[in-house]
C-alpha atoms as a PDB file:
ATOM      1  CA  MET A   1      61.517  31.733  76.514  1.00  0.00           C
ATOM      2  CA  SER A   2      61.243  34.465  73.847  1.00  0.00           C
ATOM      3  CA  GLU A   3      57.613  36.159  73.361  1.00  0.00           C
ATOM      4  CA  ASP A   4      57.654  34.578  69.833  1.00  0.00           C
ATOM      5  CA  THR A   5      58.385  31.241  71.305  1.00  0.00           C
ATOM      6  CA  LYS A   6      55.915  31.605  74.023  1.00  0.00           C
ATOM      7  CA  TRP A   7      53.277  32.516  71.369  1.00  0.00           C
ATOM      8  CA  THR A   8      53.877  29.613  69.108  1.00  0.00           C
ATOM      9  CA  SER A   9      53.883  26.977  72.268  1.00  0.00           C
ATOM     10  CA  GLU A  10      50.437  28.328  73.123  1.00  0.00           C
ATOM     11  CA  ALA A  11      49.175  28.191  69.501  1.00  0.00           C
ATOM     12  CA  GLY A  12      50.344  24.460  69.201  1.00  0.00           C
ATOM     13  CA  LYS A  13      48.767  23.609  72.501  1.00  0.00           C
ATOM     14  CA  GLN A  14      45.202  24.992  71.137  1.00  0.00           C
ATOM     15  CA  VAL A  15      45.805  23.053  67.877  1.00  0.00           C
ATOM     16  CA  VAL A  16      46.553  19.654  69.897  1.00  0.00           C
ATOM     17  CA  GLY A  17      43.359  20.450  72.042  1.00  0.00           C
ATOM     18  CA  ARG A  18      41.154  21.223  69.068  1.00  0.00           C
ATOM     19  CA  ARG A  19      42.322  17.893  67.505  1.00  0.00           C
ATOM     20  CA  ARG A  20      41.836  15.964  70.764  1.00  0.00           C
ATOM     21  CA  ARG A  21      38.153  17.452  71.150  1.00  0.00           C
ATOM     22  CA  ALA A  22      37.660  16.749  67.724  1.00  0.00           C
ATOM     23  CA  ASP A  23      38.836  12.916  67.952  1.00  0.00           C
ATOM     24  CA  ALA A  24      36.656  12.606  71.070  1.00  0.00           C
ATOM     25  CA  GLN A  25      33.508  13.804  69.169  1.00  0.00           C
ATOM     26  CA  ARG A  26      34.247  11.306  66.363  1.00  0.00           C
ATOM     27  CA  ASN A  27      34.661   8.463  69.012  1.00  0.00           C
ATOM     28  CA  ILE A  28      31.465   9.367  70.805  1.00  0.00           C
ATOM     29  CA  GLY A  29      29.726   9.730  67.591  1.00  0.00           C
ATOM     30  CA  SER A  30      31.084   6.267  66.406  1.00  0.00           C
ATOM     31  CA  LEU A  31      29.906   4.632  69.797  1.00  0.00           C
ATOM     32  CA  ILE A  32      26.530   5.831  69.734  1.00  0.00           C
ATOM     33  CA  GLN A  33      26.097   4.836  66.254  1.00  0.00           C
ATOM     34  CA  THR A  34      27.451   1.441  66.580  1.00  0.00           C
ATOM     35  CA  ALA A  35      25.561   1.052  69.776  1.00  0.00           C
ATOM     36  CA  SER A  36      22.333   1.962  68.194  1.00  0.00           C
ATOM     37  CA  GLU A  37      23.136  -1.080  65.595  1.00  0.00           C
ATOM     38  CA  VAL A  38      24.231  -3.495  67.911  1.00  0.00           C
ATOM     39  CA  PHE A  39      21.360  -2.871  70.712  1.00  0.00           C
ATOM     40  CA  ALA A  40      18.862  -3.405  67.476  1.00  0.00           C
ATOM     41  CA  ASP A  41      20.434  -6.510  66.449  1.00  0.00           C
ATOM     42  CA  SER A  42      21.291  -8.185  69.890  1.00  0.00           C
ATOM     43  CA  GLY A  43      19.440  -6.237  72.504  1.00  0.00           C
ATOM     44  CA  LEU A  44      20.760  -4.049  75.588  1.00  0.00           C
ATOM     45  CA  ASP A  45      22.576  -6.861  77.205  1.00  0.00           C
ATOM     46  CA  VAL A  46      25.159  -7.151  74.502  1.00  0.00           C
ATOM     47  CA  PRO A  47      28.646  -7.285  75.724  1.00  0.00           C
ATOM     48  CA  ILE A  48      30.477  -3.769  75.894  1.00  0.00           C
ATOM     49  CA  ARG A  49      33.599  -5.345  74.305  1.00  0.00           C
ATOM     50  CA  GLU A  50      31.651  -6.041  71.300  1.00  0.00           C
ATOM     51  CA  ILE A  51      30.306  -2.516  70.877  1.00  0.00           C
ATOM     52  CA  ALA A  52      33.930  -0.934  71.407  1.00  0.00           C
ATOM     53  CA  ASP A  53      35.452  -3.525  68.878  1.00  0.00           C
ATOM     54  CA  ARG A  54      32.820  -2.714  66.182  1.00  0.00           C
ATOM     55  CA  ALA A  55      33.396   1.025  66.913  1.00  0.00           C
ATOM     56  CA  GLY A  56      37.079   0.621  66.493  1.00  0.00           C
ATOM     57  CA  VAL A  57      37.977   2.045  69.837  1.00  0.00           C
ATOM     58  CA  GLY A  58      39.284   0.531  73.251  1.00  0.00           C
ATOM     59  CA  VAL A  59      37.040  -0.521  75.873  1.00  0.00           C
ATOM     60  CA  GLY A  60      38.688   2.251  78.242  1.00  0.00           C
ATOM     61  CA  THR A  61      37.576   4.924  75.614  1.00  0.00           C
ATOM     62  CA  LEU A  62      33.979   3.536  75.529  1.00  0.00           C
ATOM     63  CA  TYR A  63      33.871   3.875  79.489  1.00  0.00           C
ATOM     64  CA  ARG A  64      35.503   7.169  79.639  1.00  0.00           C
ATOM     65  CA  HIS A  65      32.830   8.669  77.485  1.00  0.00           C
ATOM     66  CA  PHE A  66      30.152   6.486  78.792  1.00  0.00           C
ATOM     67  CA  PRO A  67      31.183   5.146  82.525  1.00  0.00           C
ATOM     68  CA  THR A  68      28.094   2.806  82.564  1.00  0.00           C
ATOM     69  CA  ARG A  69      25.707   0.978  80.236  1.00  0.00           C
ATOM     70  CA  SER A  70      22.921   3.088  81.143  1.00  0.00           C
ATOM     71  CA  ASP A  71      24.821   6.281  79.918  1.00  0.00           C
ATOM     72  CA  LEU A  72      25.175   4.652  76.591  1.00  0.00           C
ATOM     73  CA  VAL A  73      21.595   3.424  76.638  1.00  0.00           C
ATOM     74  CA  VAL A  74      20.585   7.140  77.102  1.00  0.00           C
ATOM     75  CA  ALA A  75      22.602   8.677  74.613  1.00  0.00           C
ATOM     76  CA  VAL A  76      21.367   6.121  71.846  1.00  0.00           C
ATOM     77  CA  PHE A  77      17.863   6.686  72.728  1.00  0.00           C
ATOM     78  CA  ARG A  78      17.984  10.405  72.712  1.00  0.00           C
ATOM     79  CA  LYS A  79      19.884  10.475  69.413  1.00  0.00           C
ATOM     80  CA  GLU A  80      17.002   8.336  67.742  1.00  0.00           C
ATOM     81  CA  VAL A  81      14.355  10.053  69.328  1.00  0.00           C
ATOM     82  CA  ASP A  82      16.046  13.360  67.799  1.00  0.00           C
ATOM     83  CA  GLU A  83      16.135  11.557  64.589  1.00  0.00           C
ATOM     84  CA  SER A  84      12.160  10.554  64.613  1.00  0.00           C
ATOM     85  CA  VAL A  85      11.573  14.356  65.575  1.00  0.00           C
ATOM     86  CA  GLU A  86      13.551  15.335  62.451  1.00  0.00           C
ATOM     87  CA  ALA A  87      11.723  12.740  60.447  1.00  0.00           C
ATOM     88  CA  ALA A  88       8.325  14.123  61.638  1.00  0.00           C
ATOM     89  CA  SER A  89       9.353  17.702  60.309  1.00  0.00           C
ATOM     90  CA  THR A  90      10.519  16.440  56.954  1.00  0.00           C
ATOM     91  CA  LEU A  91       7.766  14.295  56.164  1.00  0.00           C
ATOM     92  CA  ALA A  92       5.201  17.247  57.010  1.00  0.00           C
ATOM     93  CA  ALA A  93       7.114  19.487  54.773  1.00  0.00           C
ATOM     94  CA  LYS A  94       7.386  16.954  51.937  1.00  0.00           C
ATOM     95  CA  HIS A  95       4.183  15.300  51.824  1.00  0.00           C
ATOM     96  CA  PRO A  96       0.296  15.990  52.150  1.00  0.00           C
ATOM     97  CA  PRO A  97      -0.961  15.915  55.784  1.00  0.00           C
ATOM     98  CA  GLY A  98      -2.359  12.258  55.577  1.00  0.00           C
ATOM     99  CA  GLU A  99       0.519  10.911  53.796  1.00  0.00           C
ATOM    100  CA  ALA A 100       3.076  12.366  56.042  1.00  0.00           C
ATOM    101  CA  LEU A 101       1.293  10.998  59.114  1.00  0.00           C
ATOM    102  CA  GLU A 102       1.221   7.434  57.622  1.00  0.00           C
ATOM    103  CA  ARG A 103       4.707   7.570  56.713  1.00  0.00           C
ATOM    104  CA  TRP A 104       5.809   8.733  60.066  1.00  0.00           C
ATOM    105  CA  VAL A 105       3.816   5.942  61.727  1.00  0.00           C
ATOM    106  CA  GLU A 106       5.617   3.446  59.714  1.00  0.00           C
ATOM    107  CA  HIS A 107       8.892   4.975  60.801  1.00  0.00           C
ATOM    108  CA  TYR A 108       7.548   4.830  64.214  1.00  0.00           C
ATOM    109  CA  VAL A 109       6.987   1.005  64.021  1.00  0.00           C
ATOM    110  CA  GLU A 110      10.362   0.675  62.839  1.00  0.00           C
ATOM    111  CA  PHE A 111      11.731   2.551  65.998  1.00  0.00           C
ATOM    112  CA  ILE A 112       9.663   0.407  68.430  1.00  0.00           C
ATOM    113  CA  ALA A 113      11.081  -2.816  66.808  1.00  0.00           C
ATOM    114  CA  ALA A 114      14.782  -1.487  67.157  1.00  0.00           C
ATOM    115  CA  HIS A 115      13.944  -0.781  70.992  1.00  0.00           C
ATOM    116  CA  ARG A 116      11.967  -3.854  72.087  1.00  0.00           C
ATOM    117  CA  GLY A 117      14.429  -4.178  75.091  1.00  0.00           C
ATOM    118  CA  LEU A 118      13.871  -0.762  76.660  1.00  0.00           C
ATOM    119  CA  ALA A 119      10.502  -1.602  78.120  1.00  0.00           C
ATOM    120  CA  ALA A 120      12.137  -4.001  80.513  1.00  0.00           C
ATOM    121  CA  ALA A 121      15.055  -1.324  80.999  1.00  0.00           C
ATOM    122  CA  PHE A 122      12.432   1.376  81.942  1.00  0.00           C
ATOM    123  CA  ASN A 123      11.017  -0.841  84.677  1.00  0.00           C
ATOM    124  CA  SER A 124      14.126  -1.976  86.015  1.00  0.00           C
ATOM    125  CA  GLY A 125      14.438   0.688  88.329  1.00  0.00           C
ATOM    126  CA  ASP A 126      17.742   2.267  86.922  1.00  0.00           C
ATOM    127  CA  GLN A 127      17.555   5.933  87.716  1.00  0.00           C
ATOM    128  CA  ALA A 128      19.503   6.807  84.652  1.00  0.00           C
ATOM    129  CA  LEU A 129      16.684   5.498  82.569  1.00  0.00           C
ATOM    130  CA  GLU A 130      13.756   7.246  84.441  1.00  0.00           C
ATOM    131  CA  GLY A 131      13.509  10.142  82.442  1.00  0.00           C
ATOM    132  CA  LEU A 132      13.612   8.723  78.845  1.00  0.00           C
ATOM    133  CA  PRO A 133       9.688   8.305  78.663  1.00  0.00           C
ATOM    134  CA  ALA A 134       9.162  11.896  79.502  1.00  0.00           C
ATOM    135  CA  TYR A 135      11.927  12.875  76.898  1.00  0.00           C
ATOM    136  CA  PHE A 136      10.132  10.800  74.270  1.00  0.00           C
ATOM    137  CA  LEU A 137       6.779  12.489  75.000  1.00  0.00           C
ATOM    138  CA  GLU A 138       8.339  15.986  75.380  1.00  0.00           C
ATOM    139  CA  ARG A 139      10.276  15.896  71.961  1.00  0.00           C
ATOM    140  CA  LEU A 140       7.961  13.846  69.768  1.00  0.00           C
ATOM    141  CA  GLY A 141       4.224  14.738  71.266  1.00  0.00           C
ATOM    142  CA  PRO A 142       4.134  18.327  69.866  1.00  0.00           C
ATOM    143  CA  LEU A 143       5.226  17.303  66.423  1.00  0.00           C
ATOM    144  CA  VAL A 144       2.955  14.313  66.212  1.00  0.00           C
ATOM    145  CA  GLN A 145      -0.062  16.375  67.303  1.00  0.00           C
ATOM    146  CA  ASN A 146       0.916  18.714  64.525  1.00  0.00           C
ATOM    147  CA  LEU A 147       0.617  15.916  62.221  1.00  0.00           C
ATOM    148  CA  LEU A 148      -2.730  14.672  63.549  1.00  0.00           C
ATOM    149  CA  ASP A 149      -3.954  18.173  63.581  1.00  0.00           C
ATOM    150  CA  ALA A 150      -2.886  18.650  59.708  1.00  0.00           C
ATOM    151  CA  ALA A 151      -4.514  15.434  58.803  1.00  0.00           C
ATOM    152  CA  VAL A 152      -7.885  16.355  60.452  1.00  0.00           C
ATOM    153  CA  VAL A 153      -8.059  19.718  58.600  1.00  0.00           C
ATOM    154  CA  GLU A 154      -7.628  18.215  55.542  1.00  0.00           C
ATOM    155  CA  GLY A 155     -10.365  15.180  56.178  1.00  0.00           C
ATOM    156  CA  GLN A 156      -7.739  12.567  56.385  1.00  0.00           C
ATOM    157  CA  ILE A 157      -8.562  11.246  59.760  1.00  0.00           C
ATOM    158  CA  ARG A 158     -11.276  11.660  62.530  1.00  0.00           C
ATOM    159  CA  PRO A 159     -10.710  14.389  64.792  1.00  0.00           C
ATOM    160  CA  GLY A 160      -9.883  14.355  68.530  1.00  0.00           C
ATOM    161  CA  VAL A 161      -6.933  11.921  68.512  1.00  0.00           C
ATOM    162  CA  GLN A 162      -4.383  12.815  70.928  1.00  0.00           C
ATOM    163  CA  ALA A 163      -0.604  12.499  70.166  1.00  0.00           C
ATOM    164  CA  HIS A 164      -0.267  10.443  73.253  1.00  0.00           C
ATOM    165  CA  GLU A 165      -2.967   7.988  72.169  1.00  0.00           C
ATOM    166  CA  LEU A 166      -1.473   7.345  68.776  1.00  0.00           C
ATOM    167  CA  LEU A 167       1.919   6.689  70.347  1.00  0.00           C
ATOM    168  CA  HIS A 168       0.442   4.395  72.839  1.00  0.00           C
ATOM    169  CA  GLY A 169      -1.911   2.601  70.585  1.00  0.00           C
ATOM    170  CA  VAL A 170       0.728   2.045  68.029  1.00  0.00           C
ATOM    171  CA  GLY A 171       3.358   0.857  70.580  1.00  0.00           C
ATOM    172  CA  MET A 172       0.654  -1.745  71.861  1.00  0.00           C
ATOM    173  CA  LEU A 173       0.033  -3.146  68.508  1.00  0.00           C
ATOM    174  CA  CYS A 174       3.901  -3.771  68.109  1.00  0.00           C
ATOM    175  CA  VAL A 175       4.171  -5.768  71.220  1.00  0.00           C
ATOM    176  CA  PRO A 176       4.521  -9.471  70.478  1.00  0.00           C
ATOM    177  CA  PRO A 177       1.488 -11.567  71.682  1.00  0.00           C
ATOM    178  CA  THR A 178       2.015 -13.841  74.766  1.00  0.00           C
ATOM    179  CA  CYS A 179      -0.016 -16.607  73.190  1.00  0.00           C
ATOM    180  CA  GLY A 180      -1.146 -17.377  69.586  1.00  0.00           C
ATOM    181  CA  GLU A 181       0.346 -16.617  66.121  1.00  0.00           C
ATOM    182  CA  PRO A 182       2.663 -13.959  65.706  1.00  0.00           C
ATOM    183  CA  THR A 183       1.299 -10.708  64.236  1.00  0.00           C
ATOM    184  CA  ASP A 184       2.831  -8.352  61.652  1.00  0.00           C
ATOM    185  CA  PRO A 185       3.020  -5.111  63.605  1.00  0.00           C
ATOM    186  CA  GLN A 186       2.694  -3.007  60.069  1.00  0.00           C
ATOM    187  CA  ARG A 187      -0.504  -4.758  59.264  1.00  0.00           C
ATOM    188  CA  MET A 188      -2.137  -4.300  62.667  1.00  0.00           C
ATOM    189  CA  VAL A 189      -1.093  -0.693  62.585  1.00  0.00           C
ATOM    190  CA  GLY A 190      -2.440  -0.252  59.269  1.00  0.00           C
ATOM    191  CA  LEU A 191      -5.648  -1.569  60.441  1.00  0.00           C
ATOM    192  CA  PHE A 192      -5.632   0.970  63.271  1.00  0.00           C
ATOM    193  CA  MET A 193      -4.771   3.919  60.912  1.00  0.00           C
ATOM    194  CA  ASP A 194      -7.977   2.681  58.895  1.00  0.00           C
ATOM    195  CA  GLY A 195      -9.959   3.017  62.067  1.00  0.00           C
ATOM    196  CA  LEU A 196      -8.576   6.834  62.565  1.00  0.00           C
ATOM    197  CA  ARG A 197      -9.740   7.403  58.696  1.00  0.00           C
ATOM    198  CA  TYR A 198     -13.319   5.989  59.391  1.00  0.00           C
ATOM    199  CA  ALA A 199     -15.946   8.928  59.012  1.00  0.00           C
ATOM    200  CA  ALA A 200     -13.129  11.365  58.743  1.00  0.00           C
ATOM    201  CA  SER A 201     -14.542  13.382  55.902  1.00  0.00           C
ATOM    202  CA  LYS A 202     -17.524  13.877  57.820  1.00  0.00           C
ATOM    203  CA  ALA A 203     -15.898  16.007  60.420  1.00  0.00           C
ATOM    204  CA  GLY A 204     -13.196  17.623  58.258  1.00  0.00           C
ATOM    205  CA  ASN A 205     -12.855  18.468  54.809  1.00  0.00           C
ATOM    206  CA  PRO A 206     -15.064  16.141  52.600  1.00  0.00           C
ATOM    207  CA  THR A 207     -12.400  14.819  50.272  1.00  0.00           C
ATOM    208  CA  LYS A 208     -11.969  11.405  49.253  1.00  0.00           C
ATOM    209  CA  ILE A 209      -9.713   9.433  51.255  1.00  0.00           C
ATOM    210  CA  SER A 210      -7.421   6.775  49.850  1.00  0.00           C
ATOM    211  CA  SER A 211      -4.497   4.834  51.568  1.00  0.00           C
ATOM    212  CA  ARG A 212      -1.168   5.205  50.370  1.00  0.00           C
ATOM    213  CA  LYS A 213       0.147   1.912  48.602  1.00  0.00           C
END
């Protein structure tokens, strides 16, 4: 084999390798996005084949990238937490502090609604899922605290509220009641946010507080 032929062969292998990696990344992205939608619609126990079919790949391809259901759940959850982090940063840059916080809380309520099955999964003893709550707090906690602190400075909410308190409080209000009539999570959380606004201007900047309609 001549040097030119050898070089061409190696270059061809590199091109093929790049194409395969690109195809693999597209498959992974498609599977994660599809699984996110299917989990939100049908819960975490949906048949794996349904996810593969909707993503347009074979079951073997799915298992090659995500050997267990838990691996796929972890990938979906991490992706959506990262999107929530990005949303917090974007809202903080585009809106006044009080409005940015309110809009992000609305986003968070939707996030919770799409992950109702995760609470049971976290308590299932599956080691692959054990680190997800910590990942959630580590990624979101600082940004949510920034939103809270900025709203306090502007006199939009009362001081002293910690990010983990907001995250936990909103989460609890979104849990379906075990008895009585179903509640509207957005309405319940709206009342919670009104509580955070109460007497806020006394501690922060004394500006008039108005809820976004």
